[in-house]
Amino acid sequence: ESVKVTFGKTNVKFELEGMQVLSRIIDERYPNYEGVIPQDNEKTLIVNRSAILSSIKRCKIFSNTVTNQIRMKLDASMLNLSAEDIDVGGEAHEEIACEYDGEDQLEIGFNARYLEDALNHLGNDDVLFEFSSPTRAGLIKPKEQAEEMDVLMLVMPLRLNN
């Protein structure tokens, strides 16, 4: 089908079949996003997407309302998710079967809302998490990538309180 494209000084408009999409043109240097994506992720976690998503939703209820922090403890076959709100006194703990490939146990924290958003946008049964350390970004992607897509999501960790 044909698409009508109209350029202005700061906008571009696409029109087709009664639909219009208006976008702002950014005349700036694009940031080097590849510099933020960690390349040396020797720790991998494979887990069922719906299982971890359900667990995150339940634990998030008991997380701090400001940080929404979820704590993930990983070992060879079990993912332990936990959250607590010290101010209110509530806490949650859940365990999910997983495949973790890392030299030693890993404990890392994330904002539950960000994890939930990322997992909601993946349609695959199993997801792959890649980590390097508790202070570096984690990567989330489908375990099996579709041929026409290459999906990669980056989630920054939160500092864990002991």
Foldseek 3Di string as FASTA:
>chain_A
DDWDWDDDPFWIWIDDDHDIDIDGDDPDDDDPPVVQDDDPFQKKKKFFLVVVLVVLVVQLVAAAPVQSKWKWKDDQFKIWIKHHDPVVGDMDIDIGTIGMDDPDIAIAMFNSVLVNVVSVPDPAGMKMWTHDHRQGWIKIDRPDDDPVDDDIDITGTDDDDD
